[in-house]
Amino acid sequence: MKPNLLLLCLLLSACVGLPSAVRDAPAVDLTYQQISSDIDSYKDTPVRWGGVIIDLENEEQSSLVQVLFYPLDYSGRPELHKPGEGRFVVASPEFLDPAVYTKDKEITVAGIIKGNIERTVGKRIIQVPLLSATAIHLWPIYSNRYDYRGYGPYPY
C-alpha cells in the first residue's frame, strides 16, 4: 500500500510543475485545424497550444519560435505519440536564448492568435498561425534509462 501511495504522490506532484500562467490560461478549446483553416475568424482568440520546437529566430524586439503542433494532454504537455498537425509560430517580446530553446524540446504556450506569418520550408513558402505569447513553459527532458524507483538503469 505504501509504495502505491508514494507513486500517487509523485504523479500528482508532477502536475504542479506547469506555471499557473500556462495552466490557467483562458484558452478556447479549438483545434489546430479549425484555426489554421480560417485564421481571420479567430484573431485575438486565446489558446493554449504546444508541441516541439523546430526553430528559433531572435529579432531586435522579439523572439520567434517555430513549433510543430501536437495536441496537449490533461496536464498541458504535448502528446508526442499522436501525429503532429502542422506548424505555428510563437512571438515573444522576451529574448529567448537559443541555447535553452533548442530544437526538439517540448513546449506549451498560452497566447493570443494574431493571424498568419510566412515561413519557408525547403523551397516552399507557407502560411502558419502566429501566436503572441503571454506565457511559455519548456518541459524537462525525462530519461527512460532509470526505473520508477530511481535505482538505476533497466537491465537490458
N, C-alpha and C. Protein backbone atom coordinates (compact mmCIF):
# COMPACT_ATOMS: atom_id res chain seq x y z
N MET A 1 0.82 -1.20 0.00
CA MET A 1 0.00 0.00 0.00
C MET A 1 0.87 1.26 0.00
N LYS A 2 1.93 1.26 0.82
CA LYS A 2 2.79 2.44 0.90
C LYS A 2 3.46 2.77 -0.43
N PRO A 3 3.97 1.77 -1.18
CA PRO A 3 4.56 2.13 -2.49
C PRO A 3 3.53 2.75 -3.44
N ASN A 4 2.29 2.27 -3.38
CA ASN A 4 1.25 2.84 -4.24
C ASN A 4 0.93 4.28 -3.84
N LEU A 5 0.90 4.55 -2.55
CA LEU A 5 0.65 5.91 -2.07
C LEU A 5 1.78 6.84 -2.48
N LEU A 6 3.01 6.36 -2.37
CA LEU A 6 4.17 7.15 -2.78
C LEU A 6 4.12 7.46 -4.27
N LEU A 7 3.79 6.44 -5.07
CA LEU A 7 3.68 6.63 -6.52
C LEU A 7 2.59 7.64 -6.85
N LEU A 8 1.45 7.56 -6.16
CA LEU A 8 0.36 8.51 -6.39
C LEU A 8 0.81 9.93 -6.06
N CYS A 9 1.51 10.11 -4.96
CA CYS A 9 2.01 11.44 -4.58
C CYS A 9 2.98 11.99 -5.62
N LEU A 10 3.86 11.13 -6.12
CA LEU A 10 4.81 11.57 -7.14
C LEU A 10 4.10 11.98 -8.42
N LEU A 11 3.10 11.20 -8.82
CA LEU A 11 2.36 11.54 -10.03
C LEU A 11 1.61 12.85 -9.88
N LEU A 12 0.99 13.06 -8.74
CA LEU A 12 0.25 14.30 -8.52
C LEU A 12 1.19 15.50 -8.44
N SER A 13 2.36 15.32 -7.87
CA SER A 13 3.29 16.45 -7.77
C SER A 13 3.86 16.82 -9.13
N ALA A 14 3.88 15.89 -10.08
CA ALA A 14 4.38 16.18 -11.43
C ALA A 14 3.48 17.18 -12.13
N CYS A 15 2.21 17.20 -11.81
CA CYS A 15 1.27 18.12 -12.44
C CYS A 15 1.43 19.54 -11.94
N VAL A 16 2.05 19.72 -10.80
CA VAL A 16 2.18 21.03 -10.19
C VAL A 16 3.21 21.89 -10.94
N GLY A 17 4.09 21.28 -11.73
CA GLY A 17 5.19 21.98 -12.36
C GLY A 17 4.81 22.99 -13.42
N LEU A 18 3.63 22.88 -14.00
CA LEU A 18 3.21 23.81 -15.04
C LEU A 18 2.88 25.16 -14.41
N PRO A 19 3.50 26.24 -14.86
CA PRO A 19 3.22 27.55 -14.28
C PRO A 19 1.75 27.92 -14.43
N SER A 20 1.21 28.62 -13.44
CA SER A 20 -0.21 28.96 -13.46
C SER A 20 -0.59 29.81 -14.66
N ALA A 21 0.34 30.62 -15.16
CA ALA A 21 0.04 31.45 -16.33
C ALA A 21 -0.27 30.60 -17.56
N VAL A 22 0.33 29.41 -17.63
CA VAL A 22 0.05 28.50 -18.74
C VAL A 22 -1.09 27.56 -18.37
N ARG A 23 -1.05 27.02 -17.14
CA ARG A 23 -2.06 26.07 -16.68
C ARG A 23 -3.45 26.71 -16.65
N ASP A 24 -3.56 27.93 -16.17
CA ASP A 24 -4.86 28.58 -16.00
C ASP A 24 -5.17 29.59 -17.10
N ALA A 25 -4.49 29.47 -18.23
CA ALA A 25 -4.70 30.42 -19.33
C ALA A 25 -6.13 30.34 -19.83
N PRO A 26 -6.75 31.49 -20.08
CA PRO A 26 -8.11 31.48 -20.61
C PRO A 26 -8.10 31.08 -22.08
N ALA A 27 -8.11 29.79 -22.32
CA ALA A 27 -7.99 29.29 -23.68
C ALA A 27 -9.33 28.76 -24.18
N VAL A 28 -9.59 28.99 -25.44
CA VAL A 28 -10.77 28.45 -26.10
C VAL A 28 -10.38 27.09 -26.66
N ASP A 29 -11.27 26.11 -26.51
CA ASP A 29 -10.95 24.76 -26.94
C ASP A 29 -11.18 24.61 -28.44
N LEU A 30 -10.18 25.03 -29.20
CA LEU A 30 -10.23 24.94 -30.65
C LEU A 30 -9.06 24.11 -31.15
N THR A 31 -9.30 23.35 -32.20
CA THR A 31 -8.23 22.52 -32.74
C THR A 31 -7.34 23.35 -33.66
N TYR A 32 -6.17 22.82 -33.92
CA TYR A 32 -5.24 23.45 -34.85
C TYR A 32 -5.89 23.57 -36.23
N GLN A 33 -6.56 22.52 -36.66
CA GLN A 33 -7.19 22.51 -37.99
C GLN A 33 -8.26 23.59 -38.12
N GLN A 34 -9.08 23.78 -37.08
CA GLN A 34 -10.12 24.82 -37.11
C GLN A 34 -9.50 26.20 -37.32
N ILE A 35 -8.49 26.50 -36.55
CA ILE A 35 -7.90 27.83 -36.61
C ILE A 35 -7.12 28.05 -37.90
N SER A 36 -6.31 27.06 -38.29
CA SER A 36 -5.47 27.26 -39.48
C SER A 36 -6.30 27.33 -40.76
N SER A 37 -7.48 26.73 -40.78
CA SER A 37 -8.30 26.79 -42.00
C SER A 37 -9.01 28.13 -42.17
N ASP A 38 -9.22 28.88 -41.07
CA ASP A 38 -9.91 30.17 -41.15
C ASP A 38 -9.35 31.11 -40.08
N ILE A 39 -8.10 31.48 -40.24
CA ILE A 39 -7.38 32.24 -39.22
C ILE A 39 -8.03 33.58 -38.91
N ASP A 40 -8.60 34.24 -39.91
CA ASP A 40 -9.18 35.57 -39.69
C ASP A 40 -10.36 35.53 -38.72
N SER A 41 -11.09 34.43 -38.68
CA SER A 41 -12.23 34.31 -37.77
C SER A 41 -11.80 34.16 -36.32
N TYR A 42 -10.55 33.79 -36.10
CA TYR A 42 -10.09 33.50 -34.75
C TYR A 42 -9.04 34.49 -34.23
N LYS A 43 -8.85 35.61 -34.93
CA LYS A 43 -7.90 36.61 -34.43
C LYS A 43 -8.32 37.07 -33.03
N ASP A 44 -7.32 37.30 -32.19
CA ASP A 44 -7.48 37.73 -30.80
C ASP A 44 -8.15 36.69 -29.91
N THR A 45 -8.14 35.42 -30.34
CA THR A 45 -8.67 34.33 -29.53
C THR A 45 -7.55 33.76 -28.67
N PRO A 46 -7.79 33.60 -27.36
CA PRO A 46 -6.76 33.00 -26.51
C PRO A 46 -6.73 31.48 -26.70
N VAL A 47 -5.52 30.93 -26.77
CA VAL A 47 -5.36 29.49 -26.91
C VAL A 47 -4.22 29.02 -26.02
N ARG A 48 -4.19 27.73 -25.76
CA ARG A 48 -3.06 27.07 -25.10
C ARG A 48 -2.66 25.93 -26.03
N TRP A 49 -1.52 26.09 -26.66
CA TRP A 49 -1.02 25.12 -27.64
C TRP A 49 0.35 24.64 -27.21
N GLY A 50 0.75 23.54 -27.80
CA GLY A 50 2.07 23.01 -27.51
C GLY A 50 2.59 22.15 -28.63
N GLY A 51 3.82 21.73 -28.45
CA GLY A 51 4.46 20.89 -29.45
C GLY A 51 5.94 20.80 -29.21
N VAL A 52 6.67 20.68 -30.32
CA VAL A 52 8.12 20.53 -30.29
C VAL A 52 8.75 21.67 -31.08
N ILE A 53 9.78 22.27 -30.51
CA ILE A 53 10.45 23.39 -31.16
C ILE A 53 11.15 22.92 -32.43
N ILE A 54 10.91 23.65 -33.51
CA ILE A 54 11.58 23.39 -34.79
C ILE A 54 12.73 24.38 -34.99
N ASP A 55 12.46 25.66 -34.66
CA ASP A 55 13.45 26.70 -34.94
C ASP A 55 13.20 27.90 -34.03
N LEU A 56 14.24 28.68 -33.80
CA LEU A 56 14.15 29.92 -33.03
C LEU A 56 14.89 31.02 -33.77
N GLU A 57 14.22 32.16 -33.93
CA GLU A 57 14.84 33.34 -34.53
C GLU A 57 14.73 34.48 -33.54
N ASN A 58 15.85 35.09 -33.19
CA ASN A 58 15.83 36.27 -32.34
C ASN A 58 15.95 37.50 -33.22
N GLU A 59 14.94 38.36 -33.11
CA GLU A 59 14.96 39.62 -33.83
C GLU A 59 15.28 40.73 -32.85
N GLU A 60 15.33 41.95 -33.33
CA GLU A 60 15.72 43.07 -32.48
C GLU A 60 14.77 43.26 -31.28
N GLN A 61 13.46 43.16 -31.52
CA GLN A 61 12.49 43.43 -30.47
C GLN A 61 11.72 42.20 -29.99
N SER A 62 11.94 41.04 -30.59
CA SER A 62 11.18 39.86 -30.21
C SER A 62 11.92 38.59 -30.59
N SER A 63 11.40 37.48 -30.11
CA SER A 63 11.88 36.15 -30.50
C SER A 63 10.73 35.41 -31.15
N LEU A 64 11.03 34.68 -32.22
CA LEU A 64 10.03 33.88 -32.92
C LEU A 64 10.41 32.42 -32.82
N VAL A 65 9.52 31.64 -32.22
CA VAL A 65 9.75 30.21 -32.06
C VAL A 65 8.80 29.48 -32.99
N GLN A 66 9.37 28.68 -33.89
CA GLN A 66 8.54 27.86 -34.78
C GLN A 66 8.36 26.50 -34.10
N VAL A 67 7.10 26.05 -34.02
CA VAL A 67 6.75 24.85 -33.26
C VAL A 67 5.93 23.91 -34.14
N LEU A 68 6.20 22.60 -34.01
CA LEU A 68 5.36 21.59 -34.63
C LEU A 68 4.27 21.26 -33.63
N PHE A 69 3.01 21.50 -34.00
CA PHE A 69 1.86 21.37 -33.11
C PHE A 69 1.57 19.91 -32.79
N TYR A 70 1.35 19.62 -31.49
CA TYR A 70 0.81 18.36 -31.02
C TYR A 70 -0.32 18.68 -30.05
N PRO A 71 -1.37 17.85 -30.01
CA PRO A 71 -2.41 18.08 -29.01
C PRO A 71 -1.83 17.95 -27.61
N LEU A 72 -2.47 18.59 -26.64
CA LEU A 72 -1.99 18.56 -25.25
C LEU A 72 -2.75 17.52 -24.44
N ASP A 73 -2.06 16.94 -23.46
CA ASP A 73 -2.74 16.00 -22.56
C ASP A 73 -3.40 16.78 -21.42
N TYR A 74 -3.93 16.06 -20.44
CA TYR A 74 -4.64 16.69 -19.33
C TYR A 74 -3.76 17.65 -18.54
N SER A 75 -2.45 17.43 -18.53
CA SER A 75 -1.55 18.28 -17.77
C SER A 75 -1.00 19.45 -18.59
N GLY A 76 -1.31 19.48 -19.89
CA GLY A 76 -0.82 20.56 -20.75
C GLY A 76 0.45 20.20 -21.49
N ARG A 77 0.90 18.96 -21.37
CA ARG A 77 2.12 18.52 -22.06
C ARG A 77 1.76 17.99 -23.45
N PRO A 78 2.59 18.29 -24.45
CA PRO A 78 2.32 17.78 -25.81
C PRO A 78 2.31 16.25 -25.83
N GLU A 79 1.33 15.70 -26.55
CA GLU A 79 1.20 14.25 -26.69
C GLU A 79 1.95 13.82 -27.95
N LEU A 80 3.22 13.49 -27.78
CA LEU A 80 4.08 13.19 -28.91
C LEU A 80 3.77 11.85 -29.56
N HIS A 81 2.97 11.01 -28.90
CA HIS A 81 2.60 9.73 -29.51
C HIS A 81 1.49 9.91 -30.55
N LYS A 82 0.89 11.09 -30.58
CA LYS A 82 -0.13 11.40 -31.59
C LYS A 82 0.56 12.10 -32.77
N PRO A 83 -0.08 12.12 -33.94
CA PRO A 83 0.56 12.78 -35.09
C PRO A 83 0.63 14.30 -34.92
N GLY A 84 1.73 14.89 -35.38
CA GLY A 84 1.85 16.34 -35.43
C GLY A 84 0.86 16.87 -36.47
N GLU A 85 0.30 18.06 -36.22
CA GLU A 85 -0.76 18.56 -37.09
C GLU A 85 -0.33 19.70 -37.99
N GLY A 86 0.80 20.30 -37.74
CA GLY A 86 1.25 21.43 -38.55
C GLY A 86 2.10 22.36 -37.71
N ARG A 87 2.52 23.43 -38.33
CA ARG A 87 3.41 24.39 -37.66
C ARG A 87 2.64 25.60 -37.18
N PHE A 88 3.20 26.23 -36.16
CA PHE A 88 2.76 27.56 -35.75
C PHE A 88 3.98 28.30 -35.22
N VAL A 89 3.86 29.62 -35.14
CA VAL A 89 4.96 30.46 -34.66
C VAL A 89 4.50 31.22 -33.43
N VAL A 90 5.37 31.25 -32.44
CA VAL A 90 5.12 31.98 -31.19
C VAL A 90 6.00 33.22 -31.20
N ALA A 91 5.39 34.38 -31.03
CA ALA A 91 6.14 35.64 -30.92
C ALA A 91 6.20 36.02 -29.44
N SER A 92 7.42 36.18 -28.94
CA SER A 92 7.62 36.57 -27.55
C SER A 92 8.39 37.88 -27.50
N PRO A 93 7.95 38.83 -26.67
CA PRO A 93 8.70 40.08 -26.54
C PRO A 93 10.00 39.87 -25.76
N GLU A 94 10.12 38.75 -25.07
CA GLU A 94 11.31 38.43 -24.29
C GLU A 94 12.39 37.85 -25.21
N PHE A 95 13.64 38.04 -24.83
CA PHE A 95 14.74 37.36 -25.51
C PHE A 95 14.71 35.90 -25.08
N LEU A 96 14.65 34.99 -26.04
CA LEU A 96 14.68 33.56 -25.75
C LEU A 96 16.04 33.02 -26.19
N ASP A 97 16.79 32.53 -25.25
CA ASP A 97 18.15 32.07 -25.50
C ASP A 97 18.14 30.80 -26.36
N PRO A 98 18.81 30.83 -27.52
CA PRO A 98 18.85 29.65 -28.38
C PRO A 98 19.55 28.44 -27.75
N ALA A 99 20.32 28.67 -26.71
CA ALA A 99 20.95 27.55 -26.01
C ALA A 99 19.95 26.83 -25.11
N VAL A 100 18.88 27.52 -24.74
CA VAL A 100 17.84 26.95 -23.88
C VAL A 100 16.67 26.45 -24.72
N TYR A 101 16.20 27.27 -25.65
CA TYR A 101 15.07 26.94 -26.50
C TYR A 101 15.59 26.24 -27.75
N THR A 102 16.03 25.00 -27.57
CA THR A 102 16.68 24.26 -28.65
C THR A 102 15.71 23.38 -29.41
N LYS A 103 16.12 22.99 -30.59
CA LYS A 103 15.33 22.12 -31.46
C LYS A 103 14.97 20.84 -30.71
N ASP A 104 13.73 20.40 -30.92
CA ASP A 104 13.17 19.15 -30.38
C ASP A 104 12.76 19.22 -28.92
N LYS A 105 12.86 20.37 -28.26
CA LYS A 105 12.36 20.48 -26.89
C LYS A 105 10.85 20.67 -26.92
N GLU A 106 10.18 20.07 -25.93
CA GLU A 106 8.73 20.21 -25.81
C GLU A 106 8.39 21.55 -25.16
N ILE A 107 7.32 22.17 -25.66
CA ILE A 107 6.93 23.50 -25.21
C ILE A 107 5.42 23.60 -25.15
N THR A 108 4.91 24.32 -24.16
CA THR A 108 3.50 24.66 -24.07
C THR A 108 3.42 26.18 -23.95
N VAL A 109 2.51 26.77 -24.72
CA VAL A 109 2.40 28.23 -24.81
C VAL A 109 0.96 28.66 -24.60
N ALA A 110 0.78 29.67 -23.76
CA ALA A 110 -0.50 30.36 -23.68
C ALA A 110 -0.32 31.65 -24.47
N GLY A 111 -1.28 31.94 -25.34
CA GLY A 111 -1.13 33.13 -26.16
C GLY A 111 -2.41 33.51 -26.87
N ILE A 112 -2.29 34.53 -27.70
CA ILE A 112 -3.42 35.08 -28.46
C ILE A 112 -3.12 34.90 -29.95
N ILE A 113 -4.10 34.39 -30.69
CA ILE A 113 -3.95 34.26 -32.14
C ILE A 113 -3.90 35.65 -32.76
N LYS A 114 -2.83 35.93 -33.52
CA LYS A 114 -2.66 37.25 -34.13
C LYS A 114 -2.81 37.23 -35.65
N GLY A 115 -2.91 36.06 -36.24
CA GLY A 115 -3.03 35.97 -37.69
C GLY A 115 -2.06 34.95 -38.24
N ASN A 116 -1.65 35.16 -39.48
CA ASN A 116 -0.70 34.27 -40.14
C ASN A 116 0.67 34.91 -40.22
N ILE A 117 1.67 34.07 -40.45
CA ILE A 117 3.02 34.53 -40.73
C ILE A 117 3.61 33.58 -41.78
N GLU A 118 4.43 34.13 -42.67
CA GLU A 118 5.06 33.31 -43.70
C GLU A 118 6.30 32.64 -43.15
N ARG A 119 6.48 31.38 -43.47
CA ARG A 119 7.67 30.61 -43.15
C ARG A 119 8.10 29.88 -44.41
N THR A 120 9.40 29.70 -44.56
CA THR A 120 9.93 28.95 -45.69
C THR A 120 10.31 27.56 -45.22
N VAL A 121 9.75 26.56 -45.89
CA VAL A 121 10.06 25.17 -45.58
C VAL A 121 10.64 24.58 -46.86
N GLY A 122 11.93 24.32 -46.84
CA GLY A 122 12.61 23.91 -48.07
C GLY A 122 12.57 25.08 -49.04
N LYS A 123 11.98 24.86 -50.20
CA LYS A 123 11.85 25.93 -51.19
C LYS A 123 10.43 26.46 -51.27
N ARG A 124 9.61 26.05 -50.33
CA ARG A 124 8.20 26.44 -50.36
C ARG A 124 7.89 27.45 -49.26
N ILE A 125 7.06 28.44 -49.57
CA ILE A 125 6.62 29.43 -48.59
C ILE A 125 5.21 29.04 -48.16
N ILE A 126 5.02 28.91 -46.84
CA ILE A 126 3.71 28.55 -46.31
C ILE A 126 3.24 29.60 -45.31
N GLN A 127 1.95 29.64 -45.07
CA GLN A 127 1.34 30.50 -44.06
C GLN A 127 1.02 29.63 -42.84
N VAL A 128 1.46 30.07 -41.66
CA VAL A 128 1.18 29.33 -40.43
C VAL A 128 0.60 30.30 -39.40
N PRO A 129 -0.18 29.79 -38.43
CA PRO A 129 -0.73 30.65 -37.38
C PRO A 129 0.37 31.31 -36.55
N LEU A 130 0.13 32.56 -36.17
CA LEU A 130 1.05 33.31 -35.31
C LEU A 130 0.37 33.58 -33.97
N LEU A 131 1.04 33.18 -32.89
CA LEU A 131 0.55 33.42 -31.53
C LEU A 131 1.42 34.47 -30.87
N SER A 132 0.81 35.40 -30.18
CA SER A 132 1.53 36.33 -29.33
C SER A 132 1.53 35.72 -27.93
N ALA A 133 2.71 35.35 -27.44
CA ALA A 133 2.82 34.61 -26.18
C ALA A 133 2.50 35.47 -24.97
N THR A 134 1.72 34.90 -24.06
CA THR A 134 1.51 35.50 -22.75
C THR A 134 2.27 34.71 -21.69
N ALA A 135 2.52 33.42 -21.96
CA ALA A 135 3.31 32.57 -21.06
C ALA A 135 3.86 31.39 -21.85
N ILE A 136 5.09 31.01 -21.53
CA ILE A 136 5.76 29.90 -22.21
C ILE A 136 6.33 28.95 -21.15
N HIS A 137 6.15 27.65 -21.40
CA HIS A 137 6.72 26.65 -20.49
C HIS A 137 7.49 25.61 -21.30
N LEU A 138 8.78 25.43 -20.96
CA LEU A 138 9.59 24.36 -21.54
C LEU A 138 9.49 23.16 -20.62
N TRP A 139 9.29 21.99 -21.20
CA TRP A 139 9.16 20.78 -20.41
C TRP A 139 10.53 20.15 -20.18
N PRO A 140 10.75 19.58 -18.99
CA PRO A 140 12.02 18.90 -18.73
C PRO A 140 12.12 17.64 -19.58
N ILE A 141 13.34 17.25 -19.86
CA ILE A 141 13.58 16.03 -20.61
C ILE A 141 13.69 14.89 -19.61
N TYR A 142 12.83 13.89 -19.81
CA TYR A 142 12.87 12.72 -18.93
C TYR A 142 13.63 11.61 -19.61
N SER A 143 14.45 10.94 -18.84
CA SER A 143 15.21 9.81 -19.36
C SER A 143 14.49 8.53 -18.99
N ASN A 144 14.38 7.62 -19.94
CA ASN A 144 13.76 6.32 -19.68
C ASN A 144 14.79 5.30 -19.20
N ARG A 145 15.99 5.74 -18.90
CA ARG A 145 17.05 4.83 -18.51
C ARG A 145 16.92 4.35 -17.07
N TYR A 146 16.13 5.01 -16.25
CA TYR A 146 16.03 4.64 -14.85
C TYR A 146 14.64 4.11 -14.54
N ASP A 147 14.58 3.12 -13.65
CA ASP A 147 13.28 2.57 -13.32
C ASP A 147 12.52 3.53 -12.43
N TYR A 148 11.24 3.26 -12.19
CA TYR A 148 10.38 4.18 -11.47
C TYR A 148 10.82 4.42 -10.03
N ARG A 149 11.64 3.53 -9.48
CA ARG A 149 12.12 3.72 -8.10
C ARG A 149 13.38 4.57 -8.06
N GLY A 150 13.98 4.83 -9.23
CA GLY A 150 15.18 5.65 -9.28
C GLY A 150 16.45 4.91 -8.92
N TYR A 151 16.42 3.56 -8.97
CA TYR A 151 17.58 2.79 -8.55
C TYR A 151 18.61 2.56 -9.63
N GLY A 152 18.36 2.96 -10.83
CA GLY A 152 19.38 2.78 -11.84
C GLY A 152 18.80 2.27 -13.14
N PRO A 153 19.69 1.97 -14.08
CA PRO A 153 19.25 1.59 -15.41
C PRO A 153 18.49 0.25 -15.39
N TYR A 154 17.56 0.16 -16.31
CA TYR A 154 16.90 -1.13 -16.52
C TYR A 154 17.93 -2.13 -17.01
N PRO A 155 17.83 -3.36 -16.59
CA PRO A 155 18.74 -4.36 -17.16
C PRO A 155 18.28 -4.71 -18.57
N TYR A 156 19.07 -4.38 -19.55
CA TYR A 156 18.69 -4.66 -20.93
C TYR A 156 19.22 -5.99 -21.37
